[in-house]
Every structure is written in C-alpha cells, then in structure tokens.
Amino acid sequence: MNSDVGAQLRKGVVESCVLGLLARESMYGWQLSETLITHNLIASIGTLYPMLSRMRSQGLVSTHEQASGSGPTRKYYRLTPAGTERLNSFRLQWEPFAATVREIVGKDDTHD
C-alpha cells in the first residue's frame, strides 16, 4: 500500500494556511494559488476555488471586487471575524499538536 503522507498532511492544514495568508492581506484567487503552489501546499489552482467557495459558505472569508490596472476586475478574498476566530483557534492548537507529534514521531536514534 503506497500512501502520500505529505498530501494528507497538506490537506489537513491548507485551509488554515489560506486563513493565515488572508490575515496578512486581502488576496485574489490567482495570488493565493501562486503562493500556495510555491510552498507546495496545493498542486494547482483547481483545488483552491472549491475550498474558497466552501470557506465563504461557512462565513470564514468574504469577497469584494476590485478593478485591476492590468486586466479584468478581480475578486479579492478577505478574512471575516469568524475566519479570524478559526485561525486563532488553529494557532492555539497547532504548536502543542506539532510538539506532540515531534516527540512521538521524531527521529529514532535507536536504529541507525
């Protein structure tokens, strides 16, 4: 059985990473996808839009349109108060969780 552990890990945190990016600034879809692809969090823009749609329906993000100097009007995504709350909850849980995983799964020095 061959499983892609990295894909499962990314799937579990990519939504929180989107929230983290939007906490810094409003971004349009292509901008978000390029950032996430660069960091190997998603494979293509095609996986981003369904996630953004779901996050919007959950009230985590909202959209606004803004004219672009280099083309058509862009739809920007921004964090809502509910999105900020979800991100803060993730932040509180992430470090203890990651530390626990490191402690349990960390490098096994007994088998060289």
C-alpha atoms as a PDB file:
ATOM      1  CA  MET A   1       0.000   0.000   0.000  1.00  0.00           C
ATOM      2  CA  ASN A   2       1.512   3.323  -1.091  1.00  0.00           C
ATOM      3  CA  SER A   3       0.167   6.450   0.558  1.00  0.00           C
ATOM      4  CA  ASP A   4       1.334  10.008   0.134  1.00  0.00           C
ATOM      5  CA  VAL A   5       1.812  11.194   3.703  1.00  0.00           C
ATOM      6  CA  GLY A   6       2.717  14.695   2.509  1.00  0.00           C
ATOM      7  CA  ALA A   7      -0.595  15.029   0.658  1.00  0.00           C
ATOM      8  CA  GLN A   8      -2.528  14.028   3.767  1.00  0.00           C
ATOM      9  CA  LEU A   9      -0.582  16.485   5.924  1.00  0.00           C
ATOM     10  CA  ARG A  10      -1.148  19.314   3.426  1.00  0.00           C
ATOM     11  CA  LYS A  11      -4.840  18.506   3.172  1.00  0.00           C
ATOM     12  CA  GLY A  12      -5.154  18.886   6.935  1.00  0.00           C
ATOM     13  CA  VAL A  13      -3.584  22.350   7.123  1.00  0.00           C
ATOM     14  CA  VAL A  14      -4.055  24.101   3.786  1.00  0.00           C
ATOM     15  CA  GLU A  15      -7.327  25.787   4.825  1.00  0.00           C
ATOM     16  CA  SER A  16      -5.621  27.247   7.889  1.00  0.00           C
ATOM     17  CA  CYS A  17      -2.755  28.414   5.686  1.00  0.00           C
ATOM     18  CA  VAL A  18      -5.257  30.238   3.466  1.00  0.00           C
ATOM     19  CA  LEU A  19      -6.688  31.907   6.561  1.00  0.00           C
ATOM     20  CA  GLY A  20      -3.171  32.852   7.649  1.00  0.00           C
ATOM     21  CA  LEU A  21      -2.398  34.430   4.278  1.00  0.00           C
ATOM     22  CA  LEU A  22      -5.657  36.368   4.287  1.00  0.00           C
ATOM     23  CA  ALA A  23      -4.958  37.592   7.826  1.00  0.00           C
ATOM     24  CA  ARG A  24      -1.968  39.440   6.346  1.00  0.00           C
ATOM     25  CA  GLU A  25      -3.822  40.982   3.395  1.00  0.00           C
ATOM     26  CA  SER A  26      -6.759  40.522   1.047  1.00  0.00           C
ATOM     27  CA  MET A  27      -5.731  38.434  -1.938  1.00  0.00           C
ATOM     28  CA  TYR A  28      -7.294  37.383  -5.225  1.00  0.00           C
ATOM     29  CA  GLY A  29      -7.532  33.722  -6.175  1.00  0.00           C
ATOM     30  CA  TRP A  30      -4.583  33.556  -8.555  1.00  0.00           C
ATOM     31  CA  GLN A  31      -2.376  35.315  -5.999  1.00  0.00           C
ATOM     32  CA  LEU A  32      -3.420  32.835  -3.298  1.00  0.00           C
ATOM     33  CA  SER A  33      -2.856  29.862  -5.574  1.00  0.00           C
ATOM     34  CA  GLU A  34       0.609  31.002  -6.640  1.00  0.00           C
ATOM     35  CA  THR A  35       1.648  31.403  -3.004  1.00  0.00           C
ATOM     36  CA  LEU A  36       0.247  28.010  -2.027  1.00  0.00           C
ATOM     37  CA  ILE A  37       1.760  26.270  -5.063  1.00  0.00           C
ATOM     38  CA  THR A  38       5.155  27.872  -4.393  1.00  0.00           C
ATOM     39  CA  HIS A  39       5.054  26.452  -0.866  1.00  0.00           C
ATOM     40  CA  ASN A  40       3.883  23.025  -2.145  1.00  0.00           C
ATOM     41  CA  LEU A  41       0.605  23.236  -0.252  1.00  0.00           C
ATOM     42  CA  ILE A  42      -1.621  22.700  -3.299  1.00  0.00           C
ATOM     43  CA  ALA A  43      -0.897  21.158  -6.681  1.00  0.00           C
ATOM     44  CA  SER A  44      -2.977  23.502  -8.826  1.00  0.00           C
ATOM     45  CA  ILE A  45      -5.405  26.408  -8.776  1.00  0.00           C
ATOM     46  CA  GLY A  46      -8.204  23.925  -9.446  1.00  0.00           C
ATOM     47  CA  THR A  47      -8.088  22.723  -5.857  1.00  0.00           C
ATOM     48  CA  LEU A  48      -8.249  26.238  -4.431  1.00  0.00           C
ATOM     49  CA  TYR A  49     -11.564  27.568  -5.732  1.00  0.00           C
ATOM     50  CA  PRO A  50     -13.781  24.811  -4.296  1.00  0.00           C
ATOM     51  CA  MET A  51     -12.063  25.358  -0.935  1.00  0.00           C
ATOM     52  CA  LEU A  52     -12.601  29.134  -1.116  1.00  0.00           C
ATOM     53  CA  SER A  53     -16.243  28.575  -2.019  1.00  0.00           C
ATOM     54  CA  ARG A  54     -16.695  26.264   0.975  1.00  0.00           C
ATOM     55  CA  MET A  55     -14.904  28.713   3.267  1.00  0.00           C
ATOM     56  CA  ARG A  56     -17.119  31.519   2.003  1.00  0.00           C
ATOM     57  CA  SER A  57     -20.291  29.495   2.638  1.00  0.00           C
ATOM     58  CA  GLN A  58     -19.003  28.793   6.170  1.00  0.00           C
ATOM     59  CA  GLY A  59     -18.556  32.530   6.720  1.00  0.00           C
ATOM     60  CA  LEU A  60     -14.771  32.317   7.115  1.00  0.00           C
ATOM     61  CA  VAL A  61     -13.972  34.555   4.143  1.00  0.00           C
ATOM     62  CA  SER A  62     -15.818  37.209   2.198  1.00  0.00           C
ATOM     63  CA  THR A  63     -15.180  38.656  -1.231  1.00  0.00           C
ATOM     64  CA  HIS A  64     -15.063  42.056  -2.828  1.00  0.00           C
ATOM     65  CA  GLU A  65     -14.303  43.076  -6.376  1.00  0.00           C
ATOM     66  CA  GLN A  66     -11.552  45.474  -7.232  1.00  0.00           C
ATOM     67  CA  ALA A  67     -10.521  46.921 -10.572  1.00  0.00           C
ATOM     68  CA  SER A  68      -7.215  45.721 -11.925  1.00  0.00           C
ATOM     69  CA  GLY A  69      -4.840  48.015 -13.760  1.00  0.00           C
ATOM     70  CA  SER A  70      -3.732  45.125 -15.948  1.00  0.00           C
ATOM     71  CA  GLY A  71      -6.969  43.354 -16.869  1.00  0.00           C
ATOM     72  CA  PRO A  72     -10.464  42.495 -15.693  1.00  0.00           C
ATOM     73  CA  THR A  73     -11.885  43.189 -12.256  1.00  0.00           C
ATOM     74  CA  ARG A  74     -10.514  40.774  -9.663  1.00  0.00           C
ATOM     75  CA  LYS A  75     -12.390  39.060  -6.857  1.00  0.00           C
ATOM     76  CA  TYR A  76     -10.446  39.525  -3.638  1.00  0.00           C
ATOM     77  CA  TYR A  77     -10.888  37.329  -0.582  1.00  0.00           C
ATOM     78  CA  ARG A  78     -10.580  38.631   2.957  1.00  0.00           C
ATOM     79  CA  LEU A  79     -10.893  37.171   6.403  1.00  0.00           C
ATOM     80  CA  THR A  80     -14.154  37.604   8.289  1.00  0.00           C
ATOM     81  CA  PRO A  81     -14.387  37.765  12.092  1.00  0.00           C
ATOM     82  CA  ALA A  82     -15.346  34.065  12.035  1.00  0.00           C
ATOM     83  CA  GLY A  83     -12.268  33.346   9.902  1.00  0.00           C
ATOM     84  CA  THR A  84     -10.078  35.220  12.352  1.00  0.00           C
ATOM     85  CA  GLU A  85     -11.576  33.202  15.204  1.00  0.00           C
ATOM     86  CA  ARG A  86     -10.935  29.921  13.337  1.00  0.00           C
ATOM     87  CA  LEU A  87      -7.345  30.966  12.584  1.00  0.00           C
ATOM     88  CA  ASN A  88      -6.710  31.929  16.215  1.00  0.00           C
ATOM     89  CA  SER A  89      -8.107  28.577  17.343  1.00  0.00           C
ATOM     90  CA  PHE A  90      -5.799  26.783  14.898  1.00  0.00           C
ATOM     91  CA  ARG A  91      -2.810  28.793  16.128  1.00  0.00           C
ATOM     92  CA  LEU A  92      -3.540  27.873  19.750  1.00  0.00           C
ATOM     93  CA  GLN A  93      -3.783  24.175  18.897  1.00  0.00           C
ATOM     94  CA  TRP A  94      -1.038  23.881  16.278  1.00  0.00           C
ATOM     95  CA  GLU A  95       2.115  24.313  18.386  1.00  0.00           C
ATOM     96  CA  PRO A  96       1.154  21.845  21.130  1.00  0.00           C
ATOM     97  CA  PHE A  97      -0.015  19.389  18.461  1.00  0.00           C
ATOM     98  CA  ALA A  98       3.175  19.730  16.392  1.00  0.00           C
ATOM     99  CA  ALA A  99       5.306  19.386  19.537  1.00  0.00           C
ATOM    100  CA  THR A 100       3.481  16.188  20.487  1.00  0.00           C
ATOM    101  CA  VAL A 101       3.957  14.734  17.011  1.00  0.00           C
ATOM    102  CA  ARG A 102       7.669  15.648  17.088  1.00  0.00           C
ATOM    103  CA  GLU A 103       8.004  13.988  20.483  1.00  0.00           C
ATOM    104  CA  ILE A 104       6.301  10.781  19.368  1.00  0.00           C
ATOM    105  CA  VAL A 105       7.455  10.539  15.761  1.00  0.00           C
ATOM    106  CA  GLY A 106      10.762  12.362  15.979  1.00  0.00           C
ATOM    107  CA  LYS A 107      13.990  10.838  14.759  1.00  0.00           C
ATOM    108  CA  ASP A 108      14.545   7.313  16.016  1.00  0.00           C
ATOM    109  CA  ASP A 109      18.175   7.272  17.188  1.00  0.00           C
ATOM    110  CA  THR A 110      17.994   3.622  18.283  1.00  0.00           C
ATOM    111  CA  HIS A 111      18.002   2.230  14.705  1.00  0.00           C
ATOM    112  CA  ASP A 112      20.976   3.533  12.751  1.00  0.00           C
END
